[in-house]
Each structure stands twice: as C-alpha cells, then as structure tokens.
Amino acid sequence: MIGIIGIVGILSCTNKQNATKIEVGNITEDIVSKIELKKVDFGILTIAHVSCSDYESWFNLDSKKSTIENQDSISLFMDIINNLQRDISEYNYDKSPDVRAKLLIFHTNNTTDTLCMGNRDCIMLNGKLYLFDYKLMKIVENL
C-alpha cells in the first residue's frame, strides 16, 4: 500500500514539473513547443480600445517580439495560464482586454492558442475571458 502511494506521489510531482500542457475546455492539448510574445508598454494610451484581432494593426511596428522555447520558461508560463480563473461575472458579455500583449502558444500537434492581455483589465484566451493575473503581467513586462 505504501509503495502504491509513493508511486502516485512521484507521478503527480513529475506531472506538475512538466506543466507544458494547456487545458482548453475539457480537452488537453498536446505539449507546448514554443510561445511567441508580442508586446508594447502596458502604459501606452490609445484613442480607441485595441482588440486582440486588431493588435498587429495598432502596434506591429512598435511591438517587442520574443520567442520562448526553453521548457522551464514555457512551464512557468503554462503553470500560470493553466491556473487562470474564468471571468464569470454577469457584466462580461461586452468585455474584452484593451490589448498590450499577445501570446501565441504553439503545440506539437500543430494547434495554436492565442492569449491577449491588457493593462489590468482582463485576459482573453481563445476568445474566453479570464480574470487579470498580475504575476503573468510582470513576467511579460520583464521579457
């Protein structure tokens, strides 16, 4: 019995260290191969709200671009992303981030997830809203 508990404990620890999977709905996607990040200063003001789909048209020339392929760095990102809390407030029907950073998360099964975040308002992952995460913002800002 103790041997079985020990093996389960080792497997659960191993699974947490390899946090390069993302759960989208009830489907666990394949392993993340890289993350492409485009960002501008989170304090930049614009005359209009910048949606996720309009990010490149607003900031393409000013964006700082990074590619993350180190598995430890990917695991750090994915651990935070996998623990984001859904925004289930009744007032989120017209809410979307005023985007200042866009992450493309590439999986080994040739799927791509899109995460957009603004300056302290909310996060959008594949069209679904999540509560803002300051830890994720700080990591993105420092890249």
Protein backbone atom coordinates (compact mmCIF):
# COMPACT_ATOMS: atom_id res chain seq x y z
CA MET A 1 0.00 0.00 0.00
CA ILE A 2 2.79 2.44 0.91
CA GLY A 3 4.53 1.56 -2.37
CA ILE A 4 1.42 2.47 -4.39
CA ILE A 5 1.05 5.79 -2.55
CA GLY A 6 4.74 6.54 -3.18
CA ILE A 7 4.40 5.84 -6.92
CA VAL A 8 1.27 8.01 -7.18
CA GLY A 9 3.11 10.79 -5.35
CA ILE A 10 6.11 10.57 -7.69
CA LEU A 11 3.89 10.59 -10.78
CA SER A 12 1.92 13.60 -9.58
CA CYS A 13 5.14 15.52 -8.86
CA THR A 14 6.53 14.58 -12.28
CA ASN A 15 3.32 15.74 -13.94
CA LYS A 16 3.42 19.13 -12.17
CA GLN A 17 7.05 19.73 -13.23
CA ASN A 18 6.14 19.16 -16.88
CA ALA A 19 3.41 21.81 -16.94
CA THR A 20 3.71 22.45 -20.66
CA LYS A 21 0.17 21.36 -21.43
CA ILE A 22 -2.77 23.71 -21.61
CA GLU A 23 -6.35 22.74 -20.95
CA VAL A 24 -8.88 24.27 -23.28
CA GLY A 25 -12.36 23.34 -22.15
CA ASN A 26 -12.26 19.62 -21.35
CA ILE A 27 -9.59 18.88 -23.97
CA THR A 28 -5.93 18.76 -23.02
CA GLU A 29 -3.89 19.92 -25.97
CA ASP A 30 -0.55 18.46 -26.96
CA ILE A 31 2.75 19.64 -25.47
CA VAL A 32 3.69 23.30 -25.97
CA SER A 33 6.69 23.66 -28.28
CA LYS A 34 7.11 27.45 -28.11
CA ILE A 35 5.45 30.70 -27.14
CA GLU A 36 5.70 33.80 -29.32
CA LEU A 37 5.19 37.05 -27.45
CA LYS A 38 4.41 40.45 -28.92
CA LYS A 39 4.10 43.34 -26.50
CA VAL A 40 4.21 47.07 -26.06
CA ASP A 41 4.49 49.10 -22.88
CA PHE A 42 1.41 48.35 -20.78
CA GLY A 43 1.08 52.07 -20.02
CA ILE A 44 0.63 53.16 -23.64
CA LEU A 45 -2.63 55.04 -24.17
CA THR A 46 -4.60 54.82 -27.40
CA ILE A 47 -7.56 56.78 -28.72
CA ALA A 48 -9.56 53.56 -29.08
CA HIS A 49 -9.87 50.16 -27.47
CA VAL A 50 -7.41 47.68 -29.08
CA SER A 51 -8.93 44.24 -29.54
CA CYS A 52 -6.96 41.02 -29.80
CA SER A 53 -7.61 40.78 -33.54
CA ASP A 54 -6.53 44.42 -34.07
CA TYR A 55 -3.30 44.22 -32.07
CA GLU A 56 -0.99 43.93 -35.10
CA SER A 57 -2.64 46.80 -36.97
CA TRP A 58 -2.18 49.10 -33.96
CA PHE A 59 1.23 48.06 -32.68
CA ASN A 60 3.04 45.99 -35.32
CA LEU A 61 5.93 48.44 -35.76
CA ASP A 62 6.27 49.21 -32.04
CA SER A 63 5.97 45.66 -30.70
CA LYS A 64 8.82 43.99 -28.94
CA LYS A 65 8.86 40.37 -30.07
CA SER A 66 10.24 37.36 -28.18
CA THR A 67 10.17 33.63 -28.75
CA ILE A 68 10.26 31.32 -25.74
CA GLU A 69 11.46 27.80 -26.44
CA ASN A 70 13.14 26.93 -23.14
CA GLN A 71 10.97 24.26 -21.48
CA ASP A 72 11.48 25.70 -17.97
CA SER A 73 10.24 29.11 -19.16
CA ILE A 74 7.35 27.51 -21.04
CA SER A 75 6.44 25.56 -17.89
CA LEU A 76 6.40 28.78 -15.86
CA PHE A 77 4.02 30.43 -18.33
CA MET A 78 1.80 27.37 -18.64
CA ASP A 79 1.54 26.90 -14.88
CA ILE A 80 0.17 30.44 -14.58
CA ILE A 81 -2.08 30.12 -17.65
CA ASN A 82 -3.50 26.78 -16.54
CA ASN A 83 -4.47 28.35 -13.22
CA LEU A 84 -6.21 31.44 -14.61
CA GLN A 85 -9.70 31.97 -13.20
CA ARG A 86 -12.59 32.31 -15.66
CA ASP A 87 -14.40 35.65 -15.56
CA ILE A 88 -17.97 34.56 -14.90
CA SER A 89 -19.35 37.94 -13.91
CA GLU A 90 -22.71 38.82 -15.39
CA TYR A 91 -21.25 42.00 -16.90
CA ASN A 92 -18.59 40.38 -19.09
CA TYR A 93 -20.73 40.00 -22.23
CA ASP A 94 -19.14 43.04 -23.89
CA LYS A 95 -15.85 42.97 -22.03
CA SER A 96 -12.51 42.35 -23.71
CA PRO A 97 -8.96 43.40 -22.90
CA ASP A 98 -7.53 46.65 -24.23
CA VAL A 99 -4.62 44.59 -25.58
CA ARG A 100 -0.98 45.45 -24.90
CA ALA A 101 0.45 41.93 -25.16
CA LYS A 102 -0.37 38.96 -27.38
CA LEU A 103 0.98 35.46 -26.86
CA LEU A 104 0.75 32.70 -29.44
CA ILE A 105 1.13 29.30 -27.80
CA PHE A 106 2.25 26.65 -30.29
CA HIS A 107 1.60 22.97 -29.59
CA THR A 108 3.38 19.97 -31.06
CA ASN A 109 0.06 18.80 -32.56
CA ASN A 110 0.04 21.92 -34.80
CA THR A 111 -2.62 23.82 -32.83
CA THR A 112 -2.11 27.37 -31.61
CA ASP A 113 -3.73 29.11 -28.66
CA THR A 114 -3.99 32.90 -28.50
CA LEU A 115 -3.78 34.81 -25.23
CA CYS A 116 -4.29 38.58 -25.15
CA MET A 117 -3.92 40.82 -22.15
CA GLY A 118 -4.35 44.47 -21.43
CA ASN A 119 -3.26 46.72 -18.62
CA ARG A 120 -5.00 45.31 -15.55
CA ASP A 121 -8.40 44.75 -17.13
CA CYS A 122 -8.77 41.10 -18.18
CA ILE A 123 -7.19 38.29 -20.15
CA MET A 124 -8.64 36.58 -23.17
CA LEU A 125 -7.58 33.03 -24.04
CA ASN A 126 -9.04 31.60 -27.25
CA GLY A 127 -11.98 34.01 -27.04
CA LYS A 128 -12.83 33.25 -23.39
CA LEU A 129 -12.41 35.81 -20.63
CA TYR A 130 -10.27 35.26 -17.55
CA LEU A 131 -9.56 37.43 -14.53
CA PHE A 132 -6.40 39.51 -14.74
CA ASP A 133 -3.22 37.96 -13.33
CA TYR A 134 -0.52 40.37 -12.09
CA LYS A 135 2.14 37.66 -11.95
CA LEU A 136 1.66 36.94 -15.65
CA MET A 137 1.77 40.66 -16.45
CA LYS A 138 5.06 41.10 -14.55
CA ILE A 139 6.67 38.18 -16.38
CA VAL A 140 5.50 39.51 -19.75
CA GLU A 141 6.68 43.04 -18.89
CA ASN A 142 10.15 41.79 -17.97
CA LEU A 143 10.77 39.88 -21.21
